[in-house]
Amino acid sequence: LRVGKRAHSETGIDKAGQSVVTAALDVAERH
């Protein structure tokens, strides 16, 4: 849990704010 927090706070790995929901809505937007 600590390493996960560190990875998110010290890198831009989640800067796109993506999630399973955003990925699904991307599919919806294409249609």
PDB file of all heavy atoms in Angstrom:
ATOM      1  N   LEU A   1       0.832  -1.205   0.000  1.00  0.00           N
ATOM      2  CA  LEU A   1       0.000   0.000   0.000  1.00  0.00           C
ATOM      3  C   LEU A   1       0.865   1.252   0.000  1.00  0.00           C
ATOM      4  O   LEU A   1       0.571   2.228  -0.707  1.00  0.00           O
ATOM      5  CB  LEU A   1      -0.927  -0.009   1.218  1.00  0.00           C
ATOM      6  CG  LEU A   1      -2.026  -1.074   1.189  1.00  0.00           C
ATOM      7  CD1 LEU A   1      -2.707  -1.169   2.555  1.00  0.00           C
ATOM      8  CD2 LEU A   1      -3.047  -0.777   0.108  1.00  0.00           C
ATOM      9  N   ARG A   2       1.946   1.225   0.781  1.00  0.00           N
ATOM     10  CA  ARG A   2       2.836   2.388   0.810  1.00  0.00           C
ATOM     11  C   ARG A   2       3.537   2.585  -0.530  1.00  0.00           C
ATOM     12  O   ARG A   2       3.643   3.708  -1.042  1.00  0.00           O
ATOM     13  CB  ARG A   2       3.873   2.207   1.929  1.00  0.00           C
ATOM     14  CG  ARG A   2       4.811   3.405   2.099  1.00  0.00           C
ATOM     15  CD  ARG A   2       5.849   3.134   3.182  1.00  0.00           C
ATOM     16  NE  ARG A   2       6.692   2.003   2.864  1.00  0.00           N
ATOM     17  CZ  ARG A   2       7.705   2.056   1.997  1.00  0.00           C
ATOM     18  NH1 ARG A   2       7.994   3.183   1.351  1.00  0.00           N
ATOM     19  NH2 ARG A   2       8.434   0.977   1.769  1.00  0.00           N
ATOM     20  N   VAL A   3       4.011   1.492  -1.133  1.00  0.00           N
ATOM     21  CA  VAL A   3       4.691   1.582  -2.432  1.00  0.00           C
ATOM     22  C   VAL A   3       3.732   2.071  -3.506  1.00  0.00           C
ATOM     23  O   VAL A   3       4.097   2.876  -4.371  1.00  0.00           O
ATOM     24  CB  VAL A   3       5.297   0.215  -2.807  1.00  0.00           C
ATOM     25  CG1 VAL A   3       5.806   0.228  -4.252  1.00  0.00           C
ATOM     26  CG2 VAL A   3       6.431  -0.136  -1.858  1.00  0.00           C
ATOM     27  N   GLY A   4       2.487   1.583  -3.470  1.00  0.00           N
ATOM     28  CA  GLY A   4       1.499   2.049  -4.437  1.00  0.00           C
ATOM     29  C   GLY A   4       1.277   3.541  -4.337  1.00  0.00           C
ATOM     30  O   GLY A   4       1.236   4.255  -5.355  1.00  0.00           O
ATOM     31  N   LYS A   5       1.141   4.043  -3.119  1.00  0.00           N
ATOM     32  CA  LYS A   5       0.984   5.491  -2.920  1.00  0.00           C
ATOM     33  C   LYS A   5       2.208   6.241  -3.421  1.00  0.00           C
ATOM     34  O   LYS A   5       2.088   7.305  -4.050  1.00  0.00           O
ATOM     35  CB  LYS A   5       0.764   5.798  -1.436  1.00  0.00           C
ATOM     36  CG  LYS A   5      -0.613   5.432  -0.915  1.00  0.00           C
ATOM     37  CD  LYS A   5      -0.723   5.847   0.541  1.00  0.00           C
ATOM     38  CE  LYS A   5      -2.103   5.579   1.096  1.00  0.00           C
ATOM     39  NZ  LYS A   5      -2.201   5.986   2.520  1.00  0.00           N
ATOM     40  N   ARG A   6       3.374   5.702  -3.135  1.00  0.00           N
ATOM     41  CA  ARG A   6       4.601   6.370  -3.557  1.00  0.00           C
ATOM     42  C   ARG A   6       4.684   6.454  -5.082  1.00  0.00           C
ATOM     43  O   ARG A   6       5.055   7.490  -5.638  1.00  0.00           O
ATOM     44  CB  ARG A   6       5.813   5.615  -3.002  1.00  0.00           C
ATOM     45  CG  ARG A   6       7.124   6.318  -3.282  1.00  0.00           C
ATOM     46  CD  ARG A   6       8.334   5.537  -2.802  1.00  0.00           C
ATOM     47  NE  ARG A   6       9.534   6.124  -3.386  1.00  0.00           N
ATOM     48  CZ  ARG A   6      10.692   5.524  -3.478  1.00  0.00           C
ATOM     49  NH1 ARG A   6      10.835   4.288  -3.014  1.00  0.00           N
ATOM     50  NH2 ARG A   6      11.709   6.131  -4.042  1.00  0.00           N
ATOM     51  N   ALA A   7       4.346   5.375  -5.756  1.00  0.00           N
ATOM     52  CA  ALA A   7       4.400   5.369  -7.221  1.00  0.00           C
ATOM     53  C   ALA A   7       3.450   6.404  -7.809  1.00  0.00           C
ATOM     54  O   ALA A   7       3.770   7.083  -8.792  1.00  0.00           O
ATOM     55  CB  ALA A   7       4.067   3.980  -7.746  1.00  0.00           C
ATOM     56  N   HIS A   8       2.279   6.554  -7.207  1.00  0.00           N
ATOM     57  CA  HIS A   8       1.308   7.518  -7.720  1.00  0.00           C
ATOM     58  C   HIS A   8       1.693   8.956  -7.411  1.00  0.00           C
ATOM     59  O   HIS A   8       1.409   9.866  -8.192  1.00  0.00           O
ATOM     60  CB  HIS A   8      -0.080   7.211  -7.150  1.00  0.00           C
ATOM     61  CG  HIS A   8      -0.740   6.032  -7.780  1.00  0.00           C
ATOM     62  ND1 HIS A   8      -1.310   6.072  -9.030  1.00  0.00           N
ATOM     63  CD2 HIS A   8      -0.913   4.757  -7.346  1.00  0.00           C
ATOM     64  CE1 HIS A   8      -1.809   4.892  -9.343  1.00  0.00           C
ATOM     65  NE2 HIS A   8      -1.576   4.071  -8.322  1.00  0.00           N
ATOM     66  N   SER A   9       2.355   9.162  -6.275  1.00  0.00           N
ATOM     67  CA  SER A   9       2.697  10.535  -5.889  1.00  0.00           C
ATOM     68  C   SER A   9       4.015  11.011  -6.495  1.00  0.00           C
ATOM     69  O   SER A   9       4.196  12.209  -6.728  1.00  0.00           O
ATOM     70  CB  SER A   9       2.764  10.654  -4.362  1.00  0.00           C
ATOM     71  OG  SER A   9       3.817   9.855  -3.839  1.00  0.00           O
ATOM     72  N   GLU A  10       4.936  10.079  -6.773  1.00  0.00           N
ATOM     73  CA  GLU A  10       6.264  10.478  -7.245  1.00  0.00           C
ATOM     74  C   GLU A  10       6.454  10.327  -8.749  1.00  0.00           C
ATOM     75  O   GLU A  10       7.494  10.714  -9.281  1.00  0.00           O
ATOM     76  CB  GLU A  10       7.335   9.656  -6.512  1.00  0.00           C
ATOM     77  CG  GLU A  10       7.374   9.920  -5.016  1.00  0.00           C
ATOM     78  CD  GLU A  10       8.465   9.130  -4.310  1.00  0.00           C
ATOM     79  OE1 GLU A  10       9.398   8.664  -5.007  1.00  0.00           O
ATOM     80  OE2 GLU A  10       8.380   8.977  -3.075  1.00  0.00           O
ATOM     81  N   THR A  11       5.474   9.751  -9.439  1.00  0.00           N
ATOM     82  CA  THR A  11       5.567   9.620 -10.894  1.00  0.00           C
ATOM     83  C   THR A  11       4.273  10.129 -11.510  1.00  0.00           C
ATOM     84  O   THR A  11       3.308  10.428 -10.814  1.00  0.00           O
ATOM     85  CB  THR A  11       5.779   8.151 -11.317  1.00  0.00           C
ATOM     86  OG1 THR A  11       4.546   7.429 -11.191  1.00  0.00           O
ATOM     87  CG2 THR A  11       6.845   7.481 -10.470  1.00  0.00           C
ATOM     88  N   GLY A  12       4.257  10.192 -12.824  1.00  0.00           N
ATOM     89  CA  GLY A  12       3.042  10.625 -13.526  1.00  0.00           C
ATOM     90  C   GLY A  12       2.256   9.454 -14.057  1.00  0.00           C
ATOM     91  O   GLY A  12       1.519   9.595 -15.034  1.00  0.00           O
ATOM     92  N   ILE A  13       2.371   8.291 -13.390  1.00  0.00           N
ATOM     93  CA  ILE A  13       1.734   7.097 -13.908  1.00  0.00           C
ATOM     94  C   ILE A  13       0.217   7.222 -13.999  1.00  0.00           C
ATOM     95  O   ILE A  13      -0.429   6.587 -14.823  1.00  0.00           O
ATOM     96  CB  ILE A  13       2.131   5.866 -13.061  1.00  0.00           C
ATOM     97  CG1 ILE A  13       1.705   4.577 -13.762  1.00  0.00           C
ATOM     98  CG2 ILE A  13       1.550   5.947 -11.665  1.00  0.00           C
ATOM     99  CD1 ILE A  13       2.219   3.336 -13.112  1.00  0.00           C
ATOM    100  N   ASP A  14      -0.367   8.059 -13.140  1.00  0.00           N
ATOM    101  CA  ASP A  14      -1.824   8.208 -13.183  1.00  0.00           C
ATOM    102  C   ASP A  14      -2.250   9.607 -13.608  1.00  0.00           C
ATOM    103  O   ASP A  14      -3.375  10.024 -13.336  1.00  0.00           O
ATOM    104  CB  ASP A  14      -2.433   7.862 -11.825  1.00  0.00           C
ATOM    105  CG  ASP A  14      -1.960   8.797 -10.715  1.00  0.00           C
ATOM    106  OD1 ASP A  14      -1.074   9.631 -10.978  1.00  0.00           O
ATOM    107  OD2 ASP A  14      -2.468   8.676  -9.584  1.00  0.00           O
ATOM    108  N   LYS A  15      -1.356  10.329 -14.298  1.00  0.00           N
ATOM    109  CA  LYS A  15      -1.701  11.712 -14.661  1.00  0.00           C
ATOM    110  C   LYS A  15      -2.892  11.775 -15.608  1.00  0.00           C
ATOM    111  O   LYS A  15      -3.606  12.781 -15.655  1.00  0.00           O
ATOM    112  CB  LYS A  15      -0.502  12.415 -15.292  1.00  0.00           C
ATOM    113  CG  LYS A  15      -0.049  11.866 -16.638  1.00  0.00           C
ATOM    114  CD  LYS A  15       1.049  12.729 -17.262  1.00  0.00           C
ATOM    115  CE  LYS A  15       2.266  12.805 -16.367  1.00  0.00           C
ATOM    116  NZ  LYS A  15       3.419  13.479 -17.029  1.00  0.00           N
ATOM    117  N   ALA A  16      -3.120  10.715 -16.377  1.00  0.00           N
ATOM    118  CA  ALA A  16      -4.263  10.709 -17.282  1.00  0.00           C
ATOM    119  C   ALA A  16      -5.569  10.461 -16.535  1.00  0.00           C
ATOM    120  O   ALA A  16      -6.653  10.635 -17.099  1.00  0.00           O
ATOM    121  CB  ALA A  16      -4.075   9.644 -18.354  1.00  0.00           C
ATOM    122  N   GLY A  17      -5.484  10.078 -15.266  1.00  0.00           N
ATOM    123  CA  GLY A  17      -6.685   9.842 -14.466  1.00  0.00           C
ATOM    124  C   GLY A  17      -7.522   8.690 -14.991  1.00  0.00           C
ATOM    125  O   GLY A  17      -8.746   8.689 -14.855  1.00  0.00           O
ATOM    126  N   GLN A  18      -6.855   7.707 -15.597  1.00  0.00           N
ATOM    127  CA  GLN A  18      -7.608   6.625 -16.221  1.00  0.00           C
ATOM    128  C   GLN A  18      -8.046   5.585 -15.190  1.00  0.00           C
ATOM    129  O   GLN A  18      -7.408   5.382 -14.173  1.00  0.00           O
ATOM    130  CB  GLN A  18      -6.767   5.955 -17.304  1.00  0.00           C
ATOM    131  CG  GLN A  18      -6.502   6.846 -18.501  1.00  0.00           C
ATOM    132  CD  GLN A  18      -6.044   6.045 -19.699  1.00  0.00           C
ATOM    133  OE1 GLN A  18      -6.844   5.678 -20.554  1.00  0.00           O
ATOM    134  NE2 GLN A  18      -4.755   5.767 -19.752  1.00  0.00           N
ATOM    135  N   SER A  19      -9.155   4.932 -15.519  1.00  0.00           N
ATOM    136  CA  SER A  19      -9.697   3.855 -14.704  1.00  0.00           C
ATOM    137  C   SER A  19     -10.461   2.937 -15.640  1.00  0.00           C
ATOM    138  O   SER A  19     -10.577   3.199 -16.841  1.00  0.00           O
ATOM    139  CB  SER A  19     -10.639   4.408 -13.627  1.00  0.00           C
ATOM    140  OG  SER A  19     -11.783   4.986 -14.241  1.00  0.00           O
ATOM    141  N   VAL A  20     -10.983   1.855 -15.088  1.00  0.00           N
ATOM    142  CA  VAL A  20     -11.812   0.971 -15.897  1.00  0.00           C
ATOM    143  C   VAL A  20     -13.017   1.732 -16.433  1.00  0.00           C
ATOM    144  O   VAL A  20     -13.455   1.523 -17.568  1.00  0.00           O
ATOM    145  CB  VAL A  20     -12.255  -0.250 -15.064  1.00  0.00           C
ATOM    146  CG1 VAL A  20     -13.271  -1.089 -15.822  1.00  0.00           C
ATOM    147  CG2 VAL A  20     -11.056  -1.107 -14.695  1.00  0.00           C
ATOM    148  N   VAL A  21     -13.532   2.658 -15.625  1.00  0.00           N
ATOM    149  CA  VAL A  21     -14.687   3.445 -16.055  1.00  0.00           C
ATOM    150  C   VAL A  21     -14.323   4.358 -17.222  1.00  0.00           C
ATOM    151  O   VAL A  21     -15.055   4.441 -18.217  1.00  0.00           O
ATOM    152  CB  VAL A  21     -15.261   4.268 -14.881  1.00  0.00           C
ATOM    153  CG1 VAL A  21     -16.378   5.180 -15.374  1.00  0.00           C
ATOM    154  CG2 VAL A  21     -15.769   3.345 -13.785  1.00  0.00           C
ATOM    155  N   THR A  22     -13.213   5.071 -17.124  1.00  0.00           N
ATOM    156  CA  THR A  22     -12.830   5.966 -18.226  1.00  0.00           C
ATOM    157  C   THR A  22     -12.544   5.164 -19.492  1.00  0.00           C
ATOM    158  O   THR A  22     -12.873   5.597 -20.603  1.00  0.00           O
ATOM    159  CB  THR A  22     -11.596   6.807 -17.867  1.00  0.00           C
ATOM    160  OG1 THR A  22     -10.491   5.942 -17.572  1.00  0.00           O
ATOM    161  CG2 THR A  22     -11.868   7.708 -16.677  1.00  0.00           C
ATOM    162  N   ALA A  23     -11.938   3.987 -19.334  1.00  0.00           N
ATOM    163  CA  ALA A  23     -11.678   3.146 -20.504  1.00  0.00           C
ATOM    164  C   ALA A  23     -12.989   2.714 -21.152  1.00  0.00           C
ATOM    165  O   ALA A  23     -13.113   2.695 -22.388  1.00  0.00           O
ATOM    166  CB  ALA A  23     -10.853   1.928 -20.102  1.00  0.00           C
ATOM    167  N   ALA A  24     -13.976   2.362 -20.334  1.00  0.00           N
ATOM    168  CA  ALA A  24     -15.273   1.962 -20.867  1.00  0.00           C
ATOM    169  C   ALA A  24     -15.972   3.135 -21.557  1.00  0.00           C
ATOM    170  O   ALA A  24     -16.578   2.979 -22.621  1.00  0.00           O
ATOM    171  CB  ALA A  24     -16.144   1.409 -19.744  1.00  0.00           C
ATOM    172  N   LEU A  25     -15.883   4.317 -20.962  1.00  0.00           N
ATOM    173  CA  LEU A  25     -16.513   5.486 -21.564  1.00  0.00           C
ATOM    174  C   LEU A  25     -15.815   5.909 -22.856  1.00  0.00           C
ATOM    175  O   LEU A  25     -16.442   6.493 -23.749  1.00  0.00           O
ATOM    176  CB  LEU A  25     -16.562   6.644 -20.561  1.00  0.00           C
ATOM    177  CG  LEU A  25     -17.555   6.455 -19.412  1.00  0.00           C
ATOM    178  CD1 LEU A  25     -17.493   7.631 -18.452  1.00  0.00           C
ATOM    179  CD2 LEU A  25     -18.980   6.285 -19.947  1.00  0.00           C
ATOM    180  N   ASP A  26     -14.530   5.618 -22.961  1.00  0.00           N
ATOM    181  CA  ASP A  26     -13.839   5.865 -24.231  1.00  0.00           C
ATOM    182  C   ASP A  26     -14.457   5.031 -25.342  1.00  0.00           C
ATOM    183  O   ASP A  26     -14.617   5.498 -26.483  1.00  0.00           O
ATOM    184  CB  ASP A  26     -12.352   5.528 -24.095  1.00  0.00           C
ATOM    185  CG  ASP A  26     -11.578   6.569 -23.315  1.00  0.00           C
ATOM    186  OD1 ASP A  26     -12.117   7.678 -23.118  1.00  0.00           O
ATOM    187  OD2 ASP A  26     -10.437   6.276 -22.891  1.00  0.00           O
ATOM    188  N   VAL A  27     -14.800   3.785 -25.005  1.00  0.00           N
ATOM    189  CA  VAL A  27     -15.464   2.927 -25.991  1.00  0.00           C
ATOM    190  C   VAL A  27     -16.822   3.518 -26.359  1.00  0.00           C
ATOM    191  O   VAL A  27     -17.200   3.576 -27.540  1.00  0.00           O
ATOM    192  CB  VAL A  27     -15.630   1.494 -25.438  1.00  0.00           C
ATOM    193  CG1 VAL A  27     -16.429   0.636 -26.419  1.00  0.00           C
ATOM    194  CG2 VAL A  27     -14.276   0.863 -25.162  1.00  0.00           C
ATOM    195  N   ALA A  28     -17.565   3.974 -25.349  1.00  0.00           N
ATOM    196  CA  ALA A  28     -18.877   4.572 -25.607  1.00  0.00           C
ATOM    197  C   ALA A  28     -18.754   5.800 -26.499  1.00  0.00           C
ATOM    198  O   ALA A  28     -19.556   6.007 -27.419  1.00  0.00           O
ATOM    199  CB  ALA A  28     -19.550   4.939 -24.281  1.00  0.00           C
ATOM    200  N   GLU A  29     -17.717   6.601 -26.246  1.00  0.00           N
ATOM    201  CA  GLU A  29     -17.535   7.828 -27.025  1.00  0.00           C
ATOM    202  C   GLU A  29     -17.225   7.523 -28.488  1.00  0.00           C
ATOM    203  O   GLU A  29     -17.645   8.259 -29.390  1.00  0.00           O
ATOM    204  CB  GLU A  29     -16.429   8.672 -26.416  1.00  0.00           C
ATOM    205  CG  GLU A  29     -16.313  10.066 -27.011  1.00  0.00           C
ATOM    206  CD  GLU A  29     -15.358  10.937 -26.227  1.00  0.00           C
ATOM    207  OE1 GLU A  29     -14.383  10.385 -25.691  1.00  0.00           O
ATOM    208  OE2 GLU A  29     -15.585  12.160 -26.153  1.00  0.00           O
ATOM    209  N   ARG A  30     -16.520   6.432 -28.733  1.00  0.00           N
ATOM    210  CA  ARG A  30     -16.209   6.080 -30.118  1.00  0.00           C
ATOM    211  C   ARG A  30     -17.468   5.706 -30.902  1.00  0.00           C
ATOM    212  O   ARG A  30     -17.510   5.823 -32.126  1.00  0.00           O
ATOM    213  CB  ARG A  30     -15.202   4.924 -30.150  1.00  0.00           C
ATOM    214  CG  ARG A  30     -13.779   5.365 -29.827  1.00  0.00           C
ATOM    215  CD  ARG A  30     -12.767   4.298 -30.201  1.00  0.00           C
ATOM    216  NE  ARG A  30     -12.806   3.149 -29.310  1.00  0.00           N
ATOM    217  CZ  ARG A  30     -12.157   3.072 -28.152  1.00  0.00           C
ATOM    218  NH1 ARG A  30     -11.431   4.101 -27.740  1.00  0.00           N
ATOM    219  NH2 ARG A  30     -12.231   1.999 -27.405  1.00  0.00           N
ATOM    220  N   HIS A  31     -18.501   5.271 -30.204  1.00  0.00           N
ATOM    221  CA  HIS A  31     -19.746   4.880 -30.873  1.00  0.00           C
ATOM    222  C   HIS A  31     -20.810   5.964 -30.829  1.00  0.00           C
ATOM    223  O   HIS A  31     -21.655   6.048 -31.733  1.00  0.00           O
ATOM    224  CB  HIS A  31     -20.294   3.598 -30.246  1.00  0.00           C
ATOM    225  CG  HIS A  31     -19.467   2.390 -30.542  1.00  0.00           C
ATOM    226  ND1 HIS A  31     -19.675   1.595 -31.650  1.00  0.00           N
ATOM    227  CD2 HIS A  31     -18.406   1.847 -29.888  1.00  0.00           C
ATOM    228  CE1 HIS A  31     -18.784   0.611 -31.661  1.00  0.00           C
ATOM    229  NE2 HIS A  31     -18.011   0.730 -30.607  1.00  0.00           N
TER     230      HIS A  31
END
